[in-house]
N, C-alpha and C. Protein backbone atom coordinates (compact mmCIF):
# COMPACT_ATOMS: atom_id res chain seq x y z
N GLN A 1 82.78 118.90 68.07
CA GLN A 1 83.54 120.09 68.34
C GLN A 1 84.45 120.36 67.11
N VAL A 2 84.85 121.61 66.98
CA VAL A 2 85.73 122.01 65.89
C VAL A 2 87.13 121.41 66.05
N GLN A 3 87.60 120.79 64.95
CA GLN A 3 88.95 120.22 64.96
C GLN A 3 89.62 120.42 63.65
N LEU A 4 90.89 120.72 63.70
CA LEU A 4 91.77 120.72 62.55
C LEU A 4 92.95 119.82 62.97
N VAL A 5 93.26 118.83 62.21
CA VAL A 5 94.32 117.89 62.60
C VAL A 5 95.28 117.76 61.42
N GLU A 6 96.51 118.19 61.67
CA GLU A 6 97.55 118.08 60.63
C GLU A 6 98.27 116.75 60.73
N SER A 7 98.77 116.32 59.61
CA SER A 7 99.56 115.09 59.55
C SER A 7 100.49 115.16 58.38
N GLY A 8 101.48 114.26 58.35
CA GLY A 8 102.37 114.18 57.20
C GLY A 8 103.77 114.76 57.40
N GLY A 9 103.96 115.35 58.59
CA GLY A 9 105.31 115.88 58.87
C GLY A 9 106.29 114.76 59.06
N GLY A 10 107.56 115.15 59.19
CA GLY A 10 108.63 114.20 59.40
C GLY A 10 109.98 114.74 59.11
N LEU A 11 110.95 113.85 59.02
CA LEU A 11 112.34 114.20 58.74
C LEU A 11 112.62 113.89 57.28
N VAL A 12 113.18 114.87 56.55
CA VAL A 12 113.50 114.67 55.14
C VAL A 12 114.81 115.37 54.83
N GLN A 13 115.52 114.85 53.88
CA GLN A 13 116.77 115.49 53.46
C GLN A 13 116.47 116.70 52.57
N ALA A 14 117.39 117.63 52.55
CA ALA A 14 117.27 118.80 51.71
C ALA A 14 117.07 118.35 50.26
N GLY A 15 116.16 119.02 49.58
CA GLY A 15 115.82 118.66 48.23
C GLY A 15 114.64 117.69 48.13
N GLY A 16 114.24 117.12 49.24
CA GLY A 16 113.17 116.18 49.24
C GLY A 16 111.77 116.83 49.26
N SER A 17 110.75 116.00 49.40
CA SER A 17 109.40 116.46 49.41
C SER A 17 108.57 115.88 50.57
N LEU A 18 107.58 116.59 50.97
CA LEU A 18 106.63 116.11 51.93
C LEU A 18 105.23 116.66 51.53
N LYS A 19 104.21 115.93 51.89
CA LYS A 19 102.82 116.48 51.69
C LYS A 19 102.12 116.45 53.04
N LEU A 20 101.78 117.66 53.48
CA LEU A 20 101.01 117.78 54.71
C LEU A 20 99.53 117.72 54.43
N SER A 21 98.82 117.14 55.32
CA SER A 21 97.35 117.09 55.25
C SER A 21 96.73 117.77 56.44
N CYS A 22 95.58 118.29 56.29
CA CYS A 22 94.84 118.95 57.33
C CYS A 22 93.39 118.45 57.28
N ALA A 23 92.93 117.74 58.28
CA ALA A 23 91.61 117.19 58.31
C ALA A 23 90.71 118.01 59.20
N ALA A 24 89.58 118.48 58.65
CA ALA A 24 88.67 119.37 59.35
C ALA A 24 87.41 118.65 59.76
N SER A 25 86.87 119.01 60.93
CA SER A 25 85.62 118.48 61.37
C SER A 25 84.93 119.48 62.32
N GLY A 26 83.62 119.36 62.43
CA GLY A 26 82.90 120.18 63.38
C GLY A 26 82.45 121.56 62.90
N PHE A 27 82.75 121.84 61.61
CA PHE A 27 82.29 123.12 61.07
C PHE A 27 82.16 122.93 59.52
N THR A 28 81.52 123.93 58.89
CA THR A 28 81.28 123.84 57.46
C THR A 28 82.58 124.22 56.71
N PHE A 29 83.39 123.27 56.48
CA PHE A 29 84.71 123.50 55.94
C PHE A 29 84.70 124.31 54.64
N SER A 30 83.78 124.04 53.78
CA SER A 30 83.74 124.71 52.48
C SER A 30 83.46 126.20 52.60
N SER A 31 83.01 126.66 53.76
CA SER A 31 82.73 128.07 53.96
C SER A 31 83.90 128.83 54.59
N TYR A 32 85.03 128.14 54.73
CA TYR A 32 86.20 128.75 55.40
C TYR A 32 87.39 128.76 54.48
N THR A 33 88.09 129.87 54.56
CA THR A 33 89.39 129.98 53.92
C THR A 33 90.39 129.18 54.78
N VAL A 34 91.39 128.61 54.17
CA VAL A 34 92.40 127.84 54.89
C VAL A 34 93.76 128.48 54.72
N GLY A 35 94.47 128.56 55.79
CA GLY A 35 95.83 129.12 55.74
C GLY A 35 96.80 128.08 56.31
N TRP A 36 98.03 128.10 55.80
CA TRP A 36 99.09 127.33 56.37
C TRP A 36 100.15 128.29 56.91
N PHE A 37 100.63 127.97 58.11
CA PHE A 37 101.62 128.78 58.78
C PHE A 37 102.72 127.90 59.34
N ARG A 38 103.80 128.47 59.67
CA ARG A 38 104.92 127.69 60.31
C ARG A 38 105.59 128.51 61.35
N GLN A 39 106.16 127.79 62.32
CA GLN A 39 106.86 128.44 63.39
C GLN A 39 108.13 127.66 63.73
N ALA A 40 109.24 128.29 63.57
CA ALA A 40 110.55 127.71 63.96
C ALA A 40 110.83 128.08 65.38
N PRO A 41 111.66 127.31 66.07
CA PRO A 41 111.99 127.61 67.48
C PRO A 41 112.49 129.00 67.66
N GLY A 42 111.93 129.73 68.61
CA GLY A 42 112.37 131.09 68.93
C GLY A 42 111.91 132.14 67.94
N LYS A 43 111.08 131.73 66.97
CA LYS A 43 110.64 132.70 65.96
C LYS A 43 109.13 132.87 65.99
N GLU A 44 108.62 133.92 65.33
CA GLU A 44 107.22 134.12 65.23
C GLU A 44 106.60 133.18 64.24
N ARG A 45 105.26 133.04 64.33
CA ARG A 45 104.55 132.20 63.41
C ARG A 45 104.44 132.96 62.06
N ASP A 46 104.92 132.31 61.01
CA ASP A 46 104.96 132.93 59.69
C ASP A 46 103.94 132.36 58.73
N PHE A 47 103.45 133.20 57.87
CA PHE A 47 102.56 132.79 56.82
C PHE A 47 103.26 131.97 55.78
N VAL A 48 102.60 130.90 55.33
CA VAL A 48 103.17 130.07 54.27
C VAL A 48 102.32 130.15 53.00
N ALA A 49 101.01 129.84 53.17
CA ALA A 49 100.15 129.80 51.98
C ALA A 49 98.71 129.87 52.42
N THR A 50 97.85 130.25 51.51
CA THR A 50 96.43 130.30 51.80
C THR A 50 95.65 129.86 50.57
N ILE A 51 94.45 129.37 50.78
CA ILE A 51 93.57 128.96 49.70
C ILE A 51 92.14 129.38 50.00
N SER A 52 91.48 129.88 48.96
CA SER A 52 90.10 130.36 49.14
C SER A 52 89.10 129.27 49.41
N ARG A 53 87.91 129.64 49.70
CA ARG A 53 86.88 128.65 50.10
C ARG A 53 86.65 127.64 49.05
N GLY A 54 86.56 128.06 47.80
CA GLY A 54 86.29 127.14 46.71
C GLY A 54 87.55 126.54 46.11
N GLY A 55 88.71 126.98 46.56
CA GLY A 55 89.95 126.45 46.06
C GLY A 55 90.47 127.13 44.79
N GLY A 56 89.72 128.13 44.26
CA GLY A 56 90.14 128.72 43.04
C GLY A 56 91.20 129.77 43.14
N SER A 57 91.52 130.18 44.33
CA SER A 57 92.51 131.21 44.53
C SER A 57 93.50 130.80 45.60
N THR A 58 94.75 130.86 45.28
CA THR A 58 95.81 130.52 46.24
C THR A 58 96.85 131.63 46.26
N TYR A 59 97.54 131.74 47.37
CA TYR A 59 98.58 132.71 47.50
C TYR A 59 99.65 132.14 48.44
N SER A 60 100.91 132.29 48.04
CA SER A 60 102.03 131.74 48.83
C SER A 60 103.01 132.83 49.19
N ALA A 61 103.69 132.61 50.29
CA ALA A 61 104.77 133.49 50.70
C ALA A 61 105.88 133.43 49.67
N ASP A 62 106.63 134.53 49.54
CA ASP A 62 107.76 134.54 48.57
C ASP A 62 108.78 133.46 48.87
N THR A 63 108.96 133.14 50.12
CA THR A 63 109.96 132.18 50.54
C THR A 63 109.68 130.77 50.07
N VAL A 64 108.38 130.47 49.74
CA VAL A 64 108.04 129.12 49.34
C VAL A 64 107.46 129.08 47.93
N LYS A 65 107.29 130.21 47.32
CA LYS A 65 106.68 130.31 45.99
C LYS A 65 107.46 129.46 44.99
N GLY A 66 106.73 128.67 44.25
CA GLY A 66 107.40 127.79 43.27
C GLY A 66 107.84 126.48 43.81
N ARG A 67 107.84 126.33 45.14
CA ARG A 67 108.23 125.10 45.78
C ARG A 67 107.07 124.43 46.52
N PHE A 68 106.21 125.23 47.13
CA PHE A 68 105.06 124.69 47.88
C PHE A 68 103.79 124.98 47.11
N ALA A 69 102.81 124.10 47.23
CA ALA A 69 101.50 124.25 46.66
C ALA A 69 100.40 123.86 47.62
N VAL A 70 99.41 124.74 47.71
CA VAL A 70 98.30 124.47 48.66
C VAL A 70 97.10 124.02 47.85
N SER A 71 96.33 123.09 48.35
CA SER A 71 95.10 122.59 47.68
C SER A 71 94.10 122.18 48.75
N ARG A 72 92.93 121.90 48.28
CA ARG A 72 91.87 121.44 49.22
C ARG A 72 90.87 120.57 48.51
N ASP A 73 90.20 119.73 49.27
CA ASP A 73 89.10 118.87 48.77
C ASP A 73 87.95 119.10 49.74
N ASN A 74 87.01 119.91 49.35
CA ASN A 74 85.89 120.25 50.26
C ASN A 74 85.02 119.03 50.54
N ALA A 75 84.85 118.15 49.57
CA ALA A 75 84.04 116.98 49.79
C ALA A 75 84.64 116.07 50.88
N LYS A 76 85.93 116.04 50.98
CA LYS A 76 86.59 115.27 52.01
C LYS A 76 86.94 116.08 53.27
N LYS A 77 86.67 117.35 53.21
CA LYS A 77 87.02 118.25 54.32
C LYS A 77 88.51 118.21 54.62
N MET A 78 89.30 118.28 53.55
CA MET A 78 90.76 118.18 53.70
C MET A 78 91.45 119.35 52.98
N ALA A 79 92.56 119.75 53.55
CA ALA A 79 93.45 120.70 52.88
C ALA A 79 94.86 120.11 52.88
N TYR A 80 95.64 120.54 51.90
CA TYR A 80 96.94 119.90 51.71
C TYR A 80 98.00 120.97 51.45
N LEU A 81 99.20 120.65 51.81
CA LEU A 81 100.35 121.50 51.49
C LEU A 81 101.45 120.58 50.93
N GLN A 82 101.64 120.67 49.60
CA GLN A 82 102.66 119.89 48.97
C GLN A 82 103.96 120.71 49.01
N MET A 83 105.00 120.13 49.60
CA MET A 83 106.27 120.87 49.78
C MET A 83 107.37 120.12 49.01
N ASN A 84 107.91 120.81 48.06
CA ASN A 84 108.99 120.25 47.22
C ASN A 84 110.27 121.06 47.38
N SER A 85 111.36 120.48 46.98
CA SER A 85 112.68 121.16 47.05
C SER A 85 112.92 121.76 48.44
N LEU A 86 112.68 120.96 49.43
CA LEU A 86 112.76 121.46 50.81
C LEU A 86 114.19 121.85 51.16
N LYS A 87 114.25 122.87 52.01
CA LYS A 87 115.54 123.45 52.47
C LYS A 87 115.62 123.35 53.99
N PRO A 88 116.80 123.33 54.54
CA PRO A 88 116.91 123.31 56.03
C PRO A 88 116.12 124.44 56.68
N GLU A 89 116.07 125.61 56.03
CA GLU A 89 115.34 126.73 56.64
C GLU A 89 113.84 126.54 56.60
N ASP A 90 113.32 125.48 55.97
CA ASP A 90 111.93 125.20 56.06
C ASP A 90 111.57 124.44 57.32
N THR A 91 112.55 124.07 58.09
CA THR A 91 112.30 123.33 59.32
C THR A 91 111.48 124.19 60.27
N ALA A 92 110.36 123.61 60.73
CA ALA A 92 109.44 124.32 61.60
C ALA A 92 108.28 123.38 61.96
N VAL A 93 107.43 123.87 62.89
CA VAL A 93 106.13 123.25 63.08
C VAL A 93 105.17 123.89 62.13
N TYR A 94 104.46 123.14 61.39
CA TYR A 94 103.52 123.60 60.39
C TYR A 94 102.08 123.49 60.93
N TYR A 95 101.34 124.55 60.76
CA TYR A 95 99.96 124.59 61.23
C TYR A 95 98.98 124.90 60.09
N CYS A 96 97.83 124.29 60.13
CA CYS A 96 96.76 124.74 59.27
C CYS A 96 95.75 125.52 60.13
N ALA A 97 95.07 126.45 59.54
CA ALA A 97 94.11 127.32 60.19
C ALA A 97 92.97 127.61 59.29
N ALA A 98 91.84 127.99 59.85
CA ALA A 98 90.66 128.29 59.02
C ALA A 98 90.02 129.54 59.57
N ARG A 99 89.48 130.33 58.58
CA ARG A 99 88.76 131.55 58.95
C ARG A 99 87.59 131.70 58.00
N VAL A 100 86.55 132.36 58.50
CA VAL A 100 85.35 132.51 57.70
C VAL A 100 85.49 133.63 56.68
N GLY A 101 86.48 134.55 56.89
CA GLY A 101 86.67 135.63 56.00
C GLY A 101 87.58 135.29 54.83
N ALA A 102 88.01 136.30 54.16
CA ALA A 102 88.88 136.15 52.99
C ALA A 102 90.28 135.71 53.36
N SER A 103 91.05 135.27 52.39
CA SER A 103 92.41 134.85 52.65
C SER A 103 93.20 135.96 53.32
N SER A 104 94.08 135.57 54.21
CA SER A 104 94.90 136.56 54.91
C SER A 104 96.22 135.98 55.33
N ARG A 105 97.23 136.80 55.37
CA ARG A 105 98.58 136.37 55.81
C ARG A 105 98.72 136.52 57.32
N ILE A 106 97.72 137.11 57.99
CA ILE A 106 97.82 137.46 59.39
C ILE A 106 97.29 136.31 60.25
N PRO A 107 98.11 135.70 61.09
CA PRO A 107 97.66 134.56 61.90
C PRO A 107 96.50 134.91 62.82
N ASP A 108 96.49 136.11 63.38
CA ASP A 108 95.49 136.44 64.41
C ASP A 108 94.06 136.46 63.91
N VAL A 109 93.88 136.56 62.62
CA VAL A 109 92.48 136.64 62.11
C VAL A 109 91.90 135.26 61.85
N TYR A 110 92.64 134.21 62.03
CA TYR A 110 92.12 132.86 61.82
C TYR A 110 91.46 132.35 63.12
N GLU A 111 90.28 131.78 62.95
CA GLU A 111 89.50 131.37 64.12
C GLU A 111 89.90 130.02 64.64
N TYR A 112 90.22 129.12 63.74
CA TYR A 112 90.50 127.71 64.18
C TYR A 112 91.93 127.31 63.76
N TRP A 113 92.54 126.54 64.67
CA TRP A 113 93.90 126.08 64.46
C TRP A 113 94.08 124.64 64.76
N GLY A 114 94.98 124.02 64.03
CA GLY A 114 95.36 122.65 64.35
C GLY A 114 96.48 122.66 65.38
N GLN A 115 96.92 121.46 65.78
CA GLN A 115 97.94 121.37 66.81
C GLN A 115 99.35 121.44 66.24
N GLY A 116 99.45 121.32 64.92
CA GLY A 116 100.74 121.45 64.28
C GLY A 116 101.40 120.08 64.02
N THR A 117 102.28 120.07 63.00
CA THR A 117 103.06 118.90 62.67
C THR A 117 104.49 119.33 62.38
N GLN A 118 105.44 118.59 62.93
CA GLN A 118 106.87 118.98 62.82
C GLN A 118 107.41 118.53 61.47
N VAL A 119 108.09 119.48 60.81
CA VAL A 119 108.84 119.24 59.60
C VAL A 119 110.29 119.54 59.86
N THR A 120 111.15 118.59 59.66
CA THR A 120 112.59 118.77 59.85
C THR A 120 113.32 118.42 58.59
N VAL A 121 114.10 119.39 58.08
CA VAL A 121 114.84 119.19 56.84
C VAL A 121 116.34 119.19 57.16
N SER A 122 116.97 118.08 56.91
CA SER A 122 118.40 117.96 57.19
C SER A 122 119.21 118.34 55.98
N SER A 123 120.40 118.89 56.25
CA SER A 123 121.28 119.36 55.15
C SER A 123 122.22 118.26 54.69
């Protein structure tokens, strides 16, 4: 069955770094665009970053540009989100998602979702 499993979340101090991983199975990972999203308590799910099928094109939200970097390894069926210079406002549950179409900031167009991993940034 199709699965996306995130890992790597945790508690970190402001200014610190975390690297999230997303392991895919049950579908042709290299044929899918990957998106990263986050959701803080009481807020909507927000776009963080996306990476194209081959990994040659990435796009990040303005709020994380220059601090977060998205990457993927199609041979390993993995996607990653490297998060540096973390801020308390980055605290959220982070999700990876996959879609067969082109990169998009819109959560609803993604077909597959992981269960999320909690990232908490203390001040």
